[in-house]
């Protein structure tokens, strides 16, 4: 799927690819913790029927359960201060 339009520099084309099932499931994981809802969201993102995505998604979700999860620290770490350093330019 691509979109194109004409500019003063010529024709510009943008390629739009639908996400893979694994990418869509990863995005749905942030929205809900229910695996059935994740499959529905992923199928919508991929623009495909839920039944078609369900068999492959079950396998991916089962493999994902065994992976380690990151744990957030209980206390926040020290604040980070970003300072902008300016410098003088010498003009000749």
N, C-alpha and C. Protein backbone atom coordinates (compact mmCIF):
# COMPACT_ATOMS: atom_id res chain seq x y z
N UNK A 1 0.84 -1.15 0.00
CA UNK A 1 0.00 0.00 0.00
C UNK A 1 0.90 1.23 0.00
N UNK A 2 0.63 2.19 -0.86
CA UNK A 2 1.44 3.40 -0.90
C UNK A 2 0.57 4.60 -1.22
N UNK A 3 1.02 5.74 -0.81
CA UNK A 3 0.35 6.99 -1.07
C UNK A 3 1.33 7.87 -1.81
N UNK A 4 0.85 8.61 -2.80
CA UNK A 4 1.74 9.49 -3.53
C UNK A 4 1.06 10.84 -3.77
N UNK A 5 1.86 11.87 -3.86
CA UNK A 5 1.37 13.19 -4.18
C UNK A 5 2.45 13.95 -4.92
N UNK A 6 2.06 15.01 -5.59
CA UNK A 6 2.98 15.77 -6.42
C UNK A 6 3.39 17.03 -5.67
N UNK A 7 4.69 17.25 -5.57
CA UNK A 7 5.23 18.47 -4.98
C UNK A 7 6.01 19.21 -6.04
N UNK A 8 6.54 20.36 -5.69
CA UNK A 8 7.33 21.11 -6.67
C UNK A 8 8.64 20.40 -7.00
N UNK A 9 9.03 19.43 -6.17
CA UNK A 9 10.25 18.66 -6.42
C UNK A 9 9.97 17.34 -7.13
N UNK A 10 8.72 17.06 -7.44
CA UNK A 10 8.37 15.82 -8.12
C UNK A 10 7.40 14.99 -7.30
N UNK A 11 7.19 13.77 -7.74
CA UNK A 11 6.24 12.88 -7.07
C UNK A 11 6.89 12.30 -5.82
N UNK A 12 6.17 12.36 -4.71
CA UNK A 12 6.64 11.80 -3.45
C UNK A 12 5.75 10.62 -3.09
N UNK A 13 6.36 9.53 -2.69
CA UNK A 13 5.62 8.34 -2.32
C UNK A 13 5.96 7.95 -0.89
N UNK A 14 4.95 7.53 -0.16
CA UNK A 14 5.14 7.04 1.21
C UNK A 14 4.63 5.62 1.25
N UNK A 15 5.47 4.73 1.70
CA UNK A 15 5.10 3.33 1.80
C UNK A 15 4.53 3.07 3.19
N UNK A 16 3.34 2.46 3.23
CA UNK A 16 2.68 2.16 4.49
C UNK A 16 2.53 0.65 4.60
N UNK A 17 3.18 0.07 5.60
CA UNK A 17 3.08 -1.37 5.83
C UNK A 17 2.30 -1.62 7.11
N UNK A 18 1.43 -2.60 7.06
CA UNK A 18 0.70 -3.00 8.26
C UNK A 18 1.66 -3.71 9.21
N UNK A 19 1.43 -3.64 10.51
CA UNK A 19 2.34 -4.28 11.46
C UNK A 19 2.25 -5.80 11.37
N UNK A 20 3.32 -6.46 11.79
CA UNK A 20 3.28 -7.91 11.89
C UNK A 20 2.43 -8.29 13.09
N UNK A 21 2.06 -9.54 13.19
CA UNK A 21 1.22 -9.99 14.30
C UNK A 21 1.94 -9.80 15.63
N UNK A 22 3.22 -10.07 15.66
CA UNK A 22 3.98 -9.91 16.90
C UNK A 22 4.04 -8.44 17.32
N UNK A 23 4.23 -7.54 16.36
CA UNK A 23 4.25 -6.11 16.67
C UNK A 23 2.88 -5.63 17.16
N UNK A 24 1.82 -6.11 16.52
CA UNK A 24 0.47 -5.71 16.91
C UNK A 24 0.12 -6.24 18.30
N UNK A 25 0.55 -7.45 18.62
CA UNK A 25 0.29 -8.00 19.95
C UNK A 25 1.08 -7.25 21.02
N UNK A 26 2.28 -6.84 20.68
CA UNK A 26 3.08 -6.07 21.63
C UNK A 26 2.42 -4.73 21.92
N UNK A 27 1.86 -4.09 20.89
CA UNK A 27 1.16 -2.83 21.09
C UNK A 27 -0.11 -3.04 21.91
N UNK A 28 -0.81 -4.13 21.67
CA UNK A 28 -2.05 -4.41 22.41
C UNK A 28 -1.77 -4.77 23.86
N UNK A 29 -0.58 -5.28 24.14
CA UNK A 29 -0.21 -5.66 25.50
C UNK A 29 -0.20 -4.43 26.41
N UNK A 30 0.14 -3.28 25.85
CA UNK A 30 0.14 -2.06 26.64
C UNK A 30 -1.25 -1.52 26.92
N UNK A 31 -2.23 -1.96 26.15
CA UNK A 31 -3.60 -1.46 26.32
C UNK A 31 -4.42 -2.30 27.28
N UNK A 32 -4.22 -3.61 27.28
CA UNK A 32 -5.01 -4.48 28.14
C UNK A 32 -4.19 -5.71 28.53
N UNK A 33 -4.58 -6.33 29.62
CA UNK A 33 -3.87 -7.54 30.06
C UNK A 33 -4.62 -8.81 29.67
N UNK A 34 -5.84 -8.69 29.16
CA UNK A 34 -6.63 -9.85 28.75
C UNK A 34 -6.16 -10.34 27.38
N UNK A 35 -5.71 -11.60 27.27
CA UNK A 35 -5.20 -12.11 25.99
C UNK A 35 -6.24 -12.08 24.86
N UNK A 36 -7.50 -12.33 25.14
CA UNK A 36 -8.52 -12.32 24.09
C UNK A 36 -8.71 -10.91 23.52
N UNK A 37 -8.70 -9.92 24.40
CA UNK A 37 -8.81 -8.54 23.93
C UNK A 37 -7.56 -8.13 23.16
N UNK A 38 -6.40 -8.63 23.57
CA UNK A 38 -5.16 -8.34 22.84
C UNK A 38 -5.24 -8.87 21.42
N UNK A 39 -5.79 -10.06 21.26
CA UNK A 39 -5.91 -10.65 19.92
C UNK A 39 -6.87 -9.83 19.07
N UNK A 40 -7.96 -9.37 19.65
CA UNK A 40 -8.91 -8.55 18.90
C UNK A 40 -8.29 -7.23 18.47
N UNK A 41 -7.55 -6.60 19.37
CA UNK A 41 -6.90 -5.33 19.04
C UNK A 41 -5.84 -5.54 17.95
N UNK A 42 -5.07 -6.62 18.07
CA UNK A 42 -4.04 -6.90 17.08
C UNK A 42 -4.66 -7.18 15.71
N UNK A 43 -5.78 -7.90 15.68
CA UNK A 43 -6.45 -8.18 14.41
C UNK A 43 -6.96 -6.89 13.78
N UNK A 44 -7.47 -5.98 14.59
CA UNK A 44 -7.91 -4.69 14.06
C UNK A 44 -6.75 -3.88 13.51
N UNK A 45 -5.61 -3.90 14.21
CA UNK A 45 -4.45 -3.17 13.72
C UNK A 45 -3.94 -3.73 12.39
N UNK A 46 -4.05 -5.04 12.24
CA UNK A 46 -3.57 -5.69 11.02
C UNK A 46 -4.62 -5.72 9.92
N UNK A 47 -5.84 -5.29 10.24
CA UNK A 47 -6.96 -5.28 9.30
C UNK A 47 -7.23 -6.68 8.76
N UNK A 48 -7.38 -7.64 9.68
CA UNK A 48 -7.67 -9.01 9.31
C UNK A 48 -8.72 -9.57 10.26
N UNK A 49 -9.42 -10.63 9.90
CA UNK A 49 -10.42 -11.21 10.79
C UNK A 49 -9.78 -11.80 12.05
N UNK A 50 -10.53 -11.77 13.14
CA UNK A 50 -10.02 -12.24 14.43
C UNK A 50 -9.71 -13.72 14.38
N UNK A 51 -10.55 -14.51 13.72
CA UNK A 51 -10.36 -15.96 13.65
C UNK A 51 -9.03 -16.31 12.97
N UNK A 52 -8.67 -15.54 11.96
CA UNK A 52 -7.44 -15.81 11.23
C UNK A 52 -6.21 -15.53 12.09
N UNK A 53 -6.28 -14.50 12.92
CA UNK A 53 -5.14 -14.12 13.75
C UNK A 53 -5.06 -14.93 15.03
N UNK A 54 -6.14 -15.56 15.44
CA UNK A 54 -6.21 -16.18 16.76
C UNK A 54 -5.25 -17.37 16.91
N UNK A 55 -5.17 -18.24 15.93
CA UNK A 55 -4.33 -19.43 16.06
C UNK A 55 -2.86 -19.07 16.23
N UNK A 56 -2.38 -18.16 15.40
CA UNK A 56 -0.97 -17.76 15.48
C UNK A 56 -0.72 -16.93 16.74
N UNK A 57 -1.69 -16.13 17.12
CA UNK A 57 -1.52 -15.27 18.29
C UNK A 57 -1.44 -16.07 19.57
N UNK A 58 -2.18 -17.16 19.67
CA UNK A 58 -2.12 -18.00 20.87
C UNK A 58 -0.70 -18.53 21.09
N UNK A 59 -0.04 -18.93 20.02
CA UNK A 59 1.33 -19.43 20.11
C UNK A 59 2.28 -18.32 20.57
N UNK A 60 2.11 -17.13 20.04
CA UNK A 60 2.99 -16.01 20.40
C UNK A 60 2.76 -15.61 21.85
N UNK A 61 1.51 -15.59 22.29
CA UNK A 61 1.21 -15.21 23.67
C UNK A 61 1.76 -16.23 24.65
N UNK A 62 1.69 -17.51 24.33
CA UNK A 62 2.25 -18.54 25.21
C UNK A 62 3.76 -18.41 25.32
N UNK A 63 4.42 -18.07 24.23
CA UNK A 63 5.87 -17.89 24.28
C UNK A 63 6.23 -16.63 25.07
N UNK A 64 5.37 -15.64 25.03
CA UNK A 64 5.62 -14.39 25.72
C UNK A 64 5.49 -14.55 27.23
N UNK A 65 4.67 -15.47 27.69
CA UNK A 65 4.47 -15.67 29.13
C UNK A 65 5.77 -16.11 29.79
N UNK A 66 6.58 -16.88 29.09
CA UNK A 66 7.80 -17.41 29.68
C UNK A 66 8.95 -16.40 29.69
N UNK A 67 8.83 -15.28 29.00
CA UNK A 67 9.93 -14.32 28.97
C UNK A 67 9.95 -13.50 30.26
N UNK A 68 11.14 -13.06 30.68
CA UNK A 68 11.24 -12.27 31.91
C UNK A 68 10.64 -10.87 31.72
N UNK A 69 10.07 -10.35 32.77
CA UNK A 69 9.48 -9.01 32.72
C UNK A 69 10.39 -8.04 33.46
N UNK A 70 10.36 -6.79 33.05
CA UNK A 70 11.14 -5.78 33.75
C UNK A 70 10.37 -5.32 34.97
N UNK A 71 11.09 -5.05 36.01
CA UNK A 71 10.48 -4.62 37.27
C UNK A 71 10.91 -3.19 37.53
N UNK A 72 9.96 -2.34 37.84
CA UNK A 72 10.25 -0.95 38.15
C UNK A 72 10.76 -0.85 39.59
N UNK A 73 11.75 -0.02 39.84
CA UNK A 73 12.23 0.14 41.22
C UNK A 73 11.17 0.80 42.09
N UNK A 74 11.19 0.47 43.37
CA UNK A 74 10.18 1.02 44.28
C UNK A 74 10.39 2.52 44.50
N UNK A 75 11.61 2.91 44.70
CA UNK A 75 11.89 4.33 44.88
C UNK A 75 12.39 4.92 43.58
N UNK A 76 12.00 6.12 43.33
CA UNK A 76 12.53 6.77 42.13
C UNK A 76 13.98 7.17 42.39
N UNK A 77 14.76 7.13 41.37
CA UNK A 77 16.16 7.49 41.52
C UNK A 77 16.28 9.01 41.62
N UNK A 78 17.46 9.47 41.83
CA UNK A 78 17.70 10.90 41.97
C UNK A 78 17.28 11.63 40.70
N UNK A 79 16.80 12.85 40.83
CA UNK A 79 16.38 13.59 39.64
C UNK A 79 17.57 13.90 38.74
N UNK A 80 17.29 13.95 37.48
CA UNK A 80 18.32 14.24 36.49
C UNK A 80 18.19 15.70 36.09
N UNK A 81 19.30 16.43 36.17
CA UNK A 81 19.32 17.84 35.80
C UNK A 81 20.11 17.98 34.52
N UNK A 82 19.50 18.57 33.52
CA UNK A 82 20.17 18.79 32.25
C UNK A 82 20.44 20.27 32.11
N UNK A 83 21.70 20.62 31.97
CA UNK A 83 22.08 22.01 31.81
C UNK A 83 22.57 22.24 30.40
N UNK A 84 22.22 23.39 29.90
CA UNK A 84 22.68 23.74 28.55
C UNK A 84 23.93 24.58 28.68
N UNK A 85 24.96 24.16 28.00
CA UNK A 85 26.23 24.87 28.05
C UNK A 85 26.40 25.67 26.78
N UNK A 86 26.53 26.96 26.92
CA UNK A 86 26.74 27.82 25.75
C UNK A 86 28.21 28.14 25.62
N UNK A 87 28.60 28.45 24.44
CA UNK A 87 29.98 28.82 24.22
C UNK A 87 30.03 30.07 23.36
N UNK A 88 31.12 30.80 23.48
CA UNK A 88 31.27 32.02 22.71
C UNK A 88 31.97 31.74 21.41
N UNK A 89 31.45 32.31 20.39
CA UNK A 89 32.10 32.19 19.09
C UNK A 89 33.00 33.40 18.88
N UNK A 90 34.16 33.14 18.36
CA UNK A 90 35.07 34.25 18.07
C UNK A 90 34.83 34.69 16.65
N UNK A 91 34.58 35.95 16.49
CA UNK A 91 34.37 36.51 15.14
C UNK A 91 35.67 37.15 14.68
N UNK A 92 36.04 36.86 13.48
CA UNK A 92 37.30 37.38 12.96
C UNK A 92 37.13 38.75 12.36
